[in-house]
Amino acid sequence: MVFDKPIVIEKMDEETEKYSEFASLKARINKSKGSEYMDSGAVQISQELEFIVRYFSKLKDISLNTQLYRIIYDGIKYDIQDYDNYMLKNQTIKLIGVY
């Protein structure tokens, strides 16, 4: 498995509502799904990506509250919708990011 795409995970400070860097890592990225729809007379695009990263203990914090974290990849901000530590093996973590 190749982890070759640089991503940054940011965490929001609940008091100031500003984001700061939480972790900078390499990921394997796969498109999960995407869609186009009309809203207010304009075409809107929704994209969902799977970001698969190597496990490290600090990532466990994300599983407790995904709403405080986001992923920056290729200049685009993705809200983290899901955290999956497959069978709790602590090998890889799959984060689902939605734009």
C-alpha atoms as a PDB file:
ATOM      1  CA  MET A   1       0.000   0.000   0.000  1.00  0.00           C
ATOM      2  CA  VAL A   2       1.480   3.330  -1.082  1.00  0.00           C
ATOM      3  CA  PHE A   3       0.887   6.429   1.026  1.00  0.00           C
ATOM      4  CA  ASP A   4       2.034   9.182  -1.329  1.00  0.00           C
ATOM      5  CA  LYS A   5      -0.468  12.058  -1.193  1.00  0.00           C
ATOM      6  CA  PRO A   6       0.329  14.804   1.352  1.00  0.00           C
ATOM      7  CA  ILE A   7      -2.594  15.896   3.529  1.00  0.00           C
ATOM      8  CA  VAL A   8      -2.980  18.130   6.557  1.00  0.00           C
ATOM      9  CA  ILE A   9      -5.506  17.452   9.288  1.00  0.00           C
ATOM     10  CA  GLU A  10      -6.667  20.553  11.113  1.00  0.00           C
ATOM     11  CA  LYS A  11      -8.494  20.843  14.429  1.00  0.00           C
ATOM     12  CA  MET A  12     -10.907  23.623  15.334  1.00  0.00           C
ATOM     13  CA  ASP A  13     -10.490  25.465  18.627  1.00  0.00           C
ATOM     14  CA  GLU A  14     -14.002  25.476  20.085  1.00  0.00           C
ATOM     15  CA  GLU A  15     -13.567  28.865  21.768  1.00  0.00           C
ATOM     16  CA  THR A  16     -12.202  30.815  18.794  1.00  0.00           C
ATOM     17  CA  GLU A  17     -13.624  28.561  16.041  1.00  0.00           C
ATOM     18  CA  LYS A  18     -10.291  28.828  14.215  1.00  0.00           C
ATOM     19  CA  TYR A  19      -8.447  25.856  12.763  1.00  0.00           C
ATOM     20  CA  SER A  20      -4.822  24.957  13.439  1.00  0.00           C
ATOM     21  CA  GLU A  21      -2.663  22.112  12.176  1.00  0.00           C
ATOM     22  CA  PHE A  22      -3.218  18.858  14.052  1.00  0.00           C
ATOM     23  CA  ALA A  23      -1.156  16.496  11.868  1.00  0.00           C
ATOM     24  CA  SER A  24       0.641  16.496   8.538  1.00  0.00           C
ATOM     25  CA  LEU A  25       0.845  13.078   6.886  1.00  0.00           C
ATOM     26  CA  LYS A  26       0.813  11.046   3.709  1.00  0.00           C
ATOM     27  CA  ALA A  27      -2.327   9.242   2.593  1.00  0.00           C
ATOM     28  CA  ARG A  28      -3.660   6.891  -0.005  1.00  0.00           C
ATOM     29  CA  ILE A  29      -6.715   8.532  -1.544  1.00  0.00           C
ATOM     30  CA  ASN A  30      -9.660   6.953  -3.295  1.00  0.00           C
ATOM     31  CA  LYS A  31     -12.833   8.574  -4.576  1.00  0.00           C
ATOM     32  CA  SER A  32     -15.787   7.190  -2.684  1.00  0.00           C
ATOM     33  CA  LYS A  33     -18.550   9.029  -4.531  1.00  0.00           C
ATOM     34  CA  GLY A  34     -19.422  12.316  -6.139  1.00  0.00           C
ATOM     35  CA  SER A  35     -22.503  14.095  -7.353  1.00  0.00           C
ATOM     36  CA  GLU A  36     -23.790  17.180  -9.109  1.00  0.00           C
ATOM     37  CA  TYR A  37     -27.063  18.871  -8.255  1.00  0.00           C
ATOM     38  CA  MET A  38     -28.921  22.123  -8.813  1.00  0.00           C
ATOM     39  CA  ASP A  39     -29.316  24.509  -5.882  1.00  0.00           C
ATOM     40  CA  SER A  40     -30.499  28.114  -6.162  1.00  0.00           C
ATOM     41  CA  GLY A  41     -30.166  27.955  -9.927  1.00  0.00           C
ATOM     42  CA  ALA A  42     -26.493  26.934  -9.851  1.00  0.00           C
ATOM     43  CA  VAL A  43     -24.791  23.588 -10.275  1.00  0.00           C
ATOM     44  CA  GLN A  44     -23.311  22.371  -6.995  1.00  0.00           C
ATOM     45  CA  ILE A  45     -20.698  19.629  -6.743  1.00  0.00           C
ATOM     46  CA  SER A  46     -20.289  17.218  -3.862  1.00  0.00           C
ATOM     47  CA  GLN A  47     -17.289  14.942  -3.607  1.00  0.00           C
ATOM     48  CA  GLU A  48     -16.504  12.252  -1.059  1.00  0.00           C
ATOM     49  CA  LEU A  49     -12.977  10.873  -0.743  1.00  0.00           C
ATOM     50  CA  GLU A  50     -11.475   8.087   1.338  1.00  0.00           C
ATOM     51  CA  PHE A  51      -8.220   9.123   2.977  1.00  0.00           C
ATOM     52  CA  ILE A  52      -6.342   6.060   4.216  1.00  0.00           C
ATOM     53  CA  VAL A  53      -3.423   6.813   6.535  1.00  0.00           C
ATOM     54  CA  ARG A  54      -1.082   4.804   8.734  1.00  0.00           C
ATOM     55  CA  TYR A  55      -2.291   4.543  12.317  1.00  0.00           C
ATOM     56  CA  PHE A  56      -0.720   6.571  15.077  1.00  0.00           C
ATOM     57  CA  SER A  57      -2.233   7.125  18.510  1.00  0.00           C
ATOM     58  CA  LYS A  58      -2.910  10.855  18.087  1.00  0.00           C
ATOM     59  CA  LEU A  59      -5.503  10.058  15.391  1.00  0.00           C
ATOM     60  CA  LYS A  60      -7.688   8.375  18.002  1.00  0.00           C
ATOM     61  CA  ASP A  61      -8.820  11.870  19.088  1.00  0.00           C
ATOM     62  CA  ILE A  62     -10.612  12.258  15.754  1.00  0.00           C
ATOM     63  CA  SER A  63     -12.818   9.238  16.453  1.00  0.00           C
ATOM     64  CA  LEU A  64     -14.249  10.969  19.518  1.00  0.00           C
ATOM     65  CA  ASN A  65     -15.473  14.068  17.665  1.00  0.00           C
ATOM     66  CA  THR A  66     -15.089  14.202  13.880  1.00  0.00           C
ATOM     67  CA  GLN A  67     -16.860  17.585  13.734  1.00  0.00           C
ATOM     68  CA  LEU A  68     -13.796  19.367  15.144  1.00  0.00           C
ATOM     69  CA  TYR A  69     -11.482  18.144  12.369  1.00  0.00           C
ATOM     70  CA  ARG A  70     -11.064  18.659   8.659  1.00  0.00           C
ATOM     71  CA  ILE A  71      -8.638  17.520   5.976  1.00  0.00           C
ATOM     72  CA  ILE A  72      -6.824  19.835   3.597  1.00  0.00           C
ATOM     73  CA  TYR A  73      -5.844  18.092   0.370  1.00  0.00           C
ATOM     74  CA  ASP A  74      -4.704  19.834  -2.780  1.00  0.00           C
ATOM     75  CA  GLY A  75      -5.962  23.167  -1.402  1.00  0.00           C
ATOM     76  CA  ILE A  76      -9.493  21.855  -0.797  1.00  0.00           C
ATOM     77  CA  LYS A  77     -11.078  21.539   2.658  1.00  0.00           C
ATOM     78  CA  TYR A  78     -12.892  18.274   3.372  1.00  0.00           C
ATOM     79  CA  ASP A  79     -15.124  17.828   6.419  1.00  0.00           C
ATOM     80  CA  ILE A  80     -14.439  14.520   8.144  1.00  0.00           C
ATOM     81  CA  GLN A  81     -17.642  12.461   8.170  1.00  0.00           C
ATOM     82  CA  ASP A  82     -16.323   9.100   9.369  1.00  0.00           C
ATOM     83  CA  TYR A  83     -13.358   7.488  11.118  1.00  0.00           C
ATOM     84  CA  ASP A  84     -12.671   3.751  10.718  1.00  0.00           C
ATOM     85  CA  ASN A  85      -9.926   1.816  12.507  1.00  0.00           C
ATOM     86  CA  TYR A  86     -10.575  -1.492  10.737  1.00  0.00           C
ATOM     87  CA  MET A  87     -11.259  -4.209  13.325  1.00  0.00           C
ATOM     88  CA  LEU A  88      -9.367  -2.042  15.857  1.00  0.00           C
ATOM     89  CA  LYS A  89      -6.096  -3.441  14.491  1.00  0.00           C
ATOM     90  CA  ASN A  90      -4.311  -0.051  14.709  1.00  0.00           C
ATOM     91  CA  GLN A  91      -2.719  -0.472  11.279  1.00  0.00           C
ATOM     92  CA  THR A  92      -4.541   1.956   9.013  1.00  0.00           C
ATOM     93  CA  ILE A  93      -7.260   4.534   9.543  1.00  0.00           C
ATOM     94  CA  LYS A  94      -9.844   5.377   6.895  1.00  0.00           C
ATOM     95  CA  LEU A  95     -11.204   8.905   7.076  1.00  0.00           C
ATOM     96  CA  ILE A  96     -14.126   9.882   4.871  1.00  0.00           C
ATOM     97  CA  GLY A  97     -13.881  13.502   3.749  1.00  0.00           C
ATOM     98  CA  VAL A  98     -16.718  15.411   2.093  1.00  0.00           C
ATOM     99  CA  TYR A  99     -16.388  18.585   0.038  1.00  0.00           C
END
